[in-house]
Amino acid sequence: MDINKIIEISENAENKPNKDLISARDILIEEFEKTKDLIINLTKHLEGVEEMYDKVNNEIKKRIIN
């Protein structure tokens, strides 16, 4: 099912058959979980990058002061 069909179903859900609603729901659940996992992984990556940046930046500050 393509995104346009899912949008159509969601915009007119009260007039769609159960089969379409269930299919759209299953796809949306899957998409939600994928997106959530991506956000979690990107957040962990960002925190790691920030930690490394802070270490490097702090060392530079120490060297500039001395």
PDB file of N, CA and C in Angstrom:
ATOM      1  N   MET A   1       0.862  -1.174   0.000  1.00  0.00           N
ATOM      2  CA  MET A   1       0.000   0.000   0.000  1.00  0.00           C
ATOM      3  C   MET A   1       0.909   1.238   0.000  1.00  0.00           C
ATOM      4  N   ASP A   2       0.613   2.179  -0.869  1.00  0.00           N
ATOM      5  CA  ASP A   2       1.444   3.384  -0.947  1.00  0.00           C
ATOM      6  C   ASP A   2       0.941   4.465   0.002  1.00  0.00           C
ATOM      7  N   ILE A   3       1.760   5.474   0.187  1.00  0.00           N
ATOM      8  CA  ILE A   3       1.472   6.529   1.152  1.00  0.00           C
ATOM      9  C   ILE A   3       0.186   7.281   0.817  1.00  0.00           C
ATOM     10  N   ASN A   4      -0.062   7.478  -0.454  1.00  0.00           N
ATOM     11  CA  ASN A   4      -1.286   8.189  -0.849  1.00  0.00           C
ATOM     12  C   ASN A   4      -2.543   7.424  -0.438  1.00  0.00           C
ATOM     13  N   LYS A   5      -2.490   6.109  -0.543  1.00  0.00           N
ATOM     14  CA  LYS A   5      -3.626   5.277  -0.136  1.00  0.00           C
ATOM     15  C   LYS A   5      -3.821   5.358   1.384  1.00  0.00           C
ATOM     16  N   ILE A   6      -2.726   5.349   2.128  1.00  0.00           N
ATOM     17  CA  ILE A   6      -2.821   5.460   3.588  1.00  0.00           C
ATOM     18  C   ILE A   6      -3.403   6.818   3.978  1.00  0.00           C
ATOM     19  N   ILE A   7      -2.971   7.860   3.315  1.00  0.00           N
ATOM     20  CA  ILE A   7      -3.507   9.201   3.585  1.00  0.00           C
ATOM     21  C   ILE A   7      -5.000   9.240   3.275  1.00  0.00           C
ATOM     22  N   GLU A   8      -5.369   8.680   2.146  1.00  0.00           N
ATOM     23  CA  GLU A   8      -6.787   8.647   1.753  1.00  0.00           C
ATOM     24  C   GLU A   8      -7.617   7.907   2.801  1.00  0.00           C
ATOM     25  N   ILE A   9      -7.110   6.770   3.258  1.00  0.00           N
ATOM     26  CA  ILE A   9      -7.829   5.988   4.267  1.00  0.00           C
ATOM     27  C   ILE A   9      -7.956   6.785   5.556  1.00  0.00           C
ATOM     28  N   SER A  10      -6.877   7.426   5.975  1.00  0.00           N
ATOM     29  CA  SER A  10      -6.924   8.158   7.245  1.00  0.00           C
ATOM     30  C   SER A  10      -7.834   9.380   7.174  1.00  0.00           C
ATOM     31  N   GLU A  11      -7.911   9.995   6.007  1.00  0.00           N
ATOM     32  CA  GLU A  11      -8.753  11.184   5.859  1.00  0.00           C
ATOM     33  C   GLU A  11     -10.241  10.847   5.743  1.00  0.00           C
ATOM     34  N   ASN A  12     -10.539   9.604   5.405  1.00  0.00           N
ATOM     35  CA  ASN A  12     -11.920   9.198   5.217  1.00  0.00           C
ATOM     36  C   ASN A  12     -12.171   7.851   5.909  1.00  0.00           C
ATOM     37  N   ALA A  13     -11.596   7.696   7.097  1.00  0.00           N
ATOM     38  CA  ALA A  13     -11.623   6.414   7.806  1.00  0.00           C
ATOM     39  C   ALA A  13     -13.037   5.916   8.084  1.00  0.00           C
ATOM     40  N   GLU A  14     -13.949   6.832   8.362  1.00  0.00           N
ATOM     41  CA  GLU A  14     -15.314   6.412   8.718  1.00  0.00           C
ATOM     42  C   GLU A  14     -16.040   5.747   7.556  1.00  0.00           C
ATOM     43  N   ASN A  15     -15.560   5.933   6.335  1.00  0.00           N
ATOM     44  CA  ASN A  15     -16.219   5.350   5.162  1.00  0.00           C
ATOM     45  C   ASN A  15     -15.425   4.206   4.530  1.00  0.00           C
ATOM     46  N   LYS A  16     -14.347   3.791   5.184  1.00  0.00           N
ATOM     47  CA  LYS A  16     -13.500   2.734   4.614  1.00  0.00           C
ATOM     48  C   LYS A  16     -13.839   1.389   5.252  1.00  0.00           C
ATOM     49  N   PRO A  17     -13.662   0.312   4.492  1.00  0.00           N
ATOM     50  CA  PRO A  17     -13.929  -1.019   5.040  1.00  0.00           C
ATOM     51  C   PRO A  17     -12.865  -1.414   6.075  1.00  0.00           C
ATOM     52  N   ASN A  18     -13.247  -2.340   6.931  1.00  0.00           N
ATOM     53  CA  ASN A  18     -12.324  -2.806   7.973  1.00  0.00           C
ATOM     54  C   ASN A  18     -10.999  -3.288   7.407  1.00  0.00           C
ATOM     55  N   LYS A  19     -11.050  -3.982   6.283  1.00  0.00           N
ATOM     56  CA  LYS A  19      -9.830  -4.511   5.656  1.00  0.00           C
ATOM     57  C   LYS A  19      -8.832  -3.389   5.396  1.00  0.00           C
ATOM     58  N   ASP A  20      -9.303  -2.275   4.811  1.00  0.00           N
ATOM     59  CA  ASP A  20      -8.420  -1.143   4.524  1.00  0.00           C
ATOM     60  C   ASP A  20      -7.898  -0.507   5.805  1.00  0.00           C
ATOM     61  N   LEU A  21      -8.783  -0.367   6.789  1.00  0.00           N
ATOM     62  CA  LEU A  21      -8.381   0.231   8.066  1.00  0.00           C
ATOM     63  C   LEU A  21      -7.304  -0.600   8.749  1.00  0.00           C
ATOM     64  N   ILE A  22      -7.494  -1.894   8.759  1.00  0.00           N
ATOM     65  CA  ILE A  22      -6.519  -2.783   9.410  1.00  0.00           C
ATOM     66  C   ILE A  22      -5.191  -2.763   8.666  1.00  0.00           C
ATOM     67  N   SER A  23      -5.236  -2.793   7.346  1.00  0.00           N
ATOM     68  CA  SER A  23      -3.998  -2.736   6.558  1.00  0.00           C
ATOM     69  C   SER A  23      -3.239  -1.440   6.810  1.00  0.00           C
ATOM     70  N   ALA A  24      -3.972  -0.330   6.786  1.00  0.00           N
ATOM     71  CA  ALA A  24      -3.337   0.971   7.017  1.00  0.00           C
ATOM     72  C   ALA A  24      -2.769   1.026   8.431  1.00  0.00           C
ATOM     73  N   ARG A  25      -3.524   0.550   9.400  1.00  0.00           N
ATOM     74  CA  ARG A  25      -3.060   0.554  10.792  1.00  0.00           C
ATOM     75  C   ARG A  25      -1.785  -0.253  10.948  1.00  0.00           C
ATOM     76  N   ASP A  26      -1.740  -1.441  10.335  1.00  0.00           N
ATOM     77  CA  ASP A  26      -0.555  -2.297  10.448  1.00  0.00           C
ATOM     78  C   ASP A  26       0.670  -1.622   9.839  1.00  0.00           C
ATOM     79  N   ILE A  27       0.493  -0.981   8.704  1.00  0.00           N
ATOM     80  CA  ILE A  27       1.607  -0.271   8.067  1.00  0.00           C
ATOM     81  C   ILE A  27       2.056   0.908   8.927  1.00  0.00           C
ATOM     82  N   LEU A  28       1.087   1.633   9.489  1.00  0.00           N
ATOM     83  CA  LEU A  28       1.422   2.786  10.331  1.00  0.00           C
ATOM     84  C   LEU A  28       2.127   2.360  11.617  1.00  0.00           C
ATOM     85  N   ILE A  29       1.718   1.247  12.198  1.00  0.00           N
ATOM     86  CA  ILE A  29       2.405   0.723  13.387  1.00  0.00           C
ATOM     87  C   ILE A  29       3.856   0.403  13.045  1.00  0.00           C
ATOM     88  N   GLU A  30       4.049  -0.275  11.929  1.00  0.00           N
ATOM     89  CA  GLU A  30       5.404  -0.635  11.497  1.00  0.00           C
ATOM     90  C   GLU A  30       6.242   0.617  11.255  1.00  0.00           C
ATOM     91  N   GLU A  31       5.664   1.591  10.577  1.00  0.00           N
ATOM     92  CA  GLU A  31       6.375   2.841  10.297  1.00  0.00           C
ATOM     93  C   GLU A  31       6.707   3.585  11.592  1.00  0.00           C
ATOM     94  N   PHE A  32       5.771   3.596  12.530  1.00  0.00           N
ATOM     95  CA  PHE A  32       5.993   4.236  13.822  1.00  0.00           C
ATOM     96  C   PHE A  32       7.177   3.592  14.539  1.00  0.00           C
ATOM     97  N   GLU A  33       7.206   2.264  14.579  1.00  0.00           N
ATOM     98  CA  GLU A  33       8.283   1.558  15.270  1.00  0.00           C
ATOM     99  C   GLU A  33       9.634   1.806  14.599  1.00  0.00           C
ATOM    100  N   LYS A  34       9.665   1.799  13.272  1.00  0.00           N
ATOM    101  CA  LYS A  34      10.912   2.082  12.554  1.00  0.00           C
ATOM    102  C   LYS A  34      11.405   3.491  12.863  1.00  0.00           C
ATOM    103  N   THR A  35      10.486   4.441  12.839  1.00  0.00           N
ATOM    104  CA  THR A  35      10.850   5.835  13.097  1.00  0.00           C
ATOM    105  C   THR A  35      11.344   6.001  14.525  1.00  0.00           C
ATOM    106  N   LYS A  36      10.657   5.379  15.467  1.00  0.00           N
ATOM    107  CA  LYS A  36      11.065   5.448  16.872  1.00  0.00           C
ATOM    108  C   LYS A  36      12.465   4.876  17.051  1.00  0.00           C
ATOM    109  N   ASP A  37      12.743   3.724  16.435  1.00  0.00           N
ATOM    110  CA  ASP A  37      14.071   3.115  16.531  1.00  0.00           C
ATOM    111  C   ASP A  37      15.143   4.019  15.920  1.00  0.00           C
ATOM    112  N   LEU A  38      14.832   4.634  14.791  1.00  0.00           N
ATOM    113  CA  LEU A  38      15.782   5.560  14.175  1.00  0.00           C
ATOM    114  C   LEU A  38      16.085   6.742  15.089  1.00  0.00           C
ATOM    115  N   ILE A  39      15.061   7.288  15.693  1.00  0.00           N
ATOM    116  CA  ILE A  39      15.249   8.433  16.590  1.00  0.00           C
ATOM    117  C   ILE A  39      16.100   8.033  17.790  1.00  0.00           C
ATOM    118  N   ILE A  40      15.831   6.866  18.349  1.00  0.00           N
ATOM    119  CA  ILE A  40      16.620   6.397  19.494  1.00  0.00           C
ATOM    120  C   ILE A  40      18.075   6.215  19.087  1.00  0.00           C
ATOM    121  N   ASN A  41      18.311   5.574  17.950  1.00  0.00           N
ATOM    122  CA  ASN A  41      19.681   5.354  17.490  1.00  0.00           C
ATOM    123  C   ASN A  41      20.389   6.666  17.165  1.00  0.00           C
ATOM    124  N   LEU A  42      19.688   7.596  16.546  1.00  0.00           N
ATOM    125  CA  LEU A  42      20.295   8.892  16.250  1.00  0.00           C
ATOM    126  C   LEU A  42      20.587   9.674  17.523  1.00  0.00           C
ATOM    127  N   THR A  43      19.717   9.555  18.514  1.00  0.00           N
ATOM    128  CA  THR A  43      19.952  10.227  19.791  1.00  0.00           C
ATOM    129  C   THR A  43      21.199   9.673  20.463  1.00  0.00           C
ATOM    130  N   LYS A  44      21.344   8.359  20.464  1.00  0.00           N
ATOM    131  CA  LYS A  44      22.550   7.744  21.034  1.00  0.00           C
ATOM    132  C   LYS A  44      23.791   8.196  20.279  1.00  0.00           C
ATOM    133  N   HIS A  45      23.704   8.244  18.967  1.00  0.00           N
ATOM    134  CA  HIS A  45      24.831   8.693  18.147  1.00  0.00           C
ATOM    135  C   HIS A  45      25.177  10.143  18.469  1.00  0.00           C
ATOM    136  N   LEU A  46      24.162  10.987  18.535  1.00  0.00           N
ATOM    137  CA  LEU A  46      24.373  12.400  18.834  1.00  0.00           C
ATOM    138  C   LEU A  46      25.026  12.574  20.206  1.00  0.00           C
ATOM    139  N   GLU A  47      24.583  11.826  21.194  1.00  0.00           N
ATOM    140  CA  GLU A  47      25.181  11.902  22.525  1.00  0.00           C
ATOM    141  C   GLU A  47      26.648  11.481  22.497  1.00  0.00           C
ATOM    142  N   GLY A  48      26.961  10.453  21.712  1.00  0.00           N
ATOM    143  CA  GLY A  48      28.348  10.013  21.568  1.00  0.00           C
ATOM    144  C   GLY A  48      29.210  11.070  20.911  1.00  0.00           C
ATOM    145  N   VAL A  49      28.692  11.676  19.863  1.00  0.00           N
ATOM    146  CA  VAL A  49      29.422  12.748  19.179  1.00  0.00           C
ATOM    147  C   VAL A  49      29.642  13.919  20.126  1.00  0.00           C
ATOM    148  N   GLU A  50      28.619  14.279  20.872  1.00  0.00           N
ATOM    149  CA  GLU A  50      28.734  15.391  21.815  1.00  0.00           C
ATOM    150  C   GLU A  50      29.790  15.098  22.883  1.00  0.00           C
ATOM    151  N   GLU A  51      29.795  13.874  23.372  1.00  0.00           N
ATOM    152  CA  GLU A  51      30.781  13.489  24.388  1.00  0.00           C
ATOM    153  C   GLU A  51      32.208  13.596  23.841  1.00  0.00           C
ATOM    154  N   MET A  52      32.430  13.094  22.623  1.00  0.00           N
ATOM    155  CA  MET A  52      33.760  13.194  22.021  1.00  0.00           C
ATOM    156  C   MET A  52      34.144  14.645  21.766  1.00  0.00           C
ATOM    157  N   TYR A  53      33.202  15.436  21.281  1.00  0.00           N
ATOM    158  CA  TYR A  53      33.446  16.856  21.044  1.00  0.00           C
ATOM    159  C   TYR A  53      33.863  17.541  22.340  1.00  0.00           C
ATOM    160  N   ASP A  54      33.128  17.275  23.415  1.00  0.00           N
ATOM    161  CA  ASP A  54      33.444  17.897  24.699  1.00  0.00           C
ATOM    162  C   ASP A  54      34.853  17.535  25.161  1.00  0.00           C
ATOM    163  N   LYS A  55      35.245  16.271  25.011  1.00  0.00           N
ATOM    164  CA  LYS A  55      36.598  15.848  25.402  1.00  0.00           C
ATOM    165  C   LYS A  55      37.658  16.593  24.602  1.00  0.00           C
ATOM    166  N   VAL A  56      37.469  16.627  23.288  1.00  0.00           N
ATOM    167  CA  VAL A  56      38.438  17.300  22.423  1.00  0.00           C
ATOM    168  C   VAL A  56      38.465  18.797  22.719  1.00  0.00           C
ATOM    169  N   ASN A  57      37.308  19.398  22.838  1.00  0.00           N
ATOM    170  CA  ASN A  57      37.227  20.832  23.087  1.00  0.00           C
ATOM    171  C   ASN A  57      37.833  21.198  24.444  1.00  0.00           C
ATOM    172  N   ASN A  58      37.585  20.397  25.458  1.00  0.00           N
ATOM    173  CA  ASN A  58      38.164  20.652  26.774  1.00  0.00           C
ATOM    174  C   ASN A  58      39.688  20.557  26.746  1.00  0.00           C
ATOM    175  N   GLU A  59      40.204  19.607  25.993  1.00  0.00           N
ATOM    176  CA  GLU A  59      41.662  19.479  25.872  1.00  0.00           C
ATOM    177  C   GLU A  59      42.251  20.695  25.165  1.00  0.00           C
ATOM    178  N   ILE A  60      41.577  21.164  24.149  1.00  0.00           N
ATOM    179  CA  ILE A  60      42.037  22.377  23.448  1.00  0.00           C
ATOM    180  C   ILE A  60      42.040  23.562  24.402  1.00  0.00           C
ATOM    181  N   LYS A  61      40.987  23.695  25.200  1.00  0.00           N
ATOM    182  CA  LYS A  61      40.920  24.796  26.173  1.00  0.00           C
ATOM    183  C   LYS A  61      42.080  24.728  27.160  1.00  0.00           C
ATOM    184  N   LYS A  62      42.388  23.519  27.647  1.00  0.00           N
ATOM    185  CA  LYS A  62      43.510  23.348  28.579  1.00  0.00           C
ATOM    186  C   LYS A  62      44.822  23.805  27.956  1.00  0.00           C
ATOM    187  N   ARG A  63      45.030  23.454  26.710  1.00  0.00           N
ATOM    188  CA  ARG A  63      46.287  23.775  26.037  1.00  0.00           C
ATOM    189  C   ARG A  63      46.407  25.258  25.722  1.00  0.00           C
ATOM    190  N   ILE A  64      45.284  25.891  25.434  1.00  0.00           N
ATOM    191  CA  ILE A  64      45.306  27.313  25.130  1.00  0.00           C
ATOM    192  C   ILE A  64      45.594  28.111  26.398  1.00  0.00           C
ATOM    193  N   ILE A  65      45.025  27.710  27.505  1.00  0.00           N
ATOM    194  CA  ILE A  65      45.205  28.411  28.774  1.00  0.00           C
ATOM    195  C   ILE A  65      46.663  28.273  29.256  1.00  0.00           C
ATOM    196  N   ASN A  66      47.268  27.122  29.026  1.00  0.00           N
ATOM    197  CA  ASN A  66      48.634  26.898  29.513  1.00  0.00           C
ATOM    198  C   ASN A  66      49.627  27.306  28.525  1.00  0.00           C
TER     199      ASN A  66
END
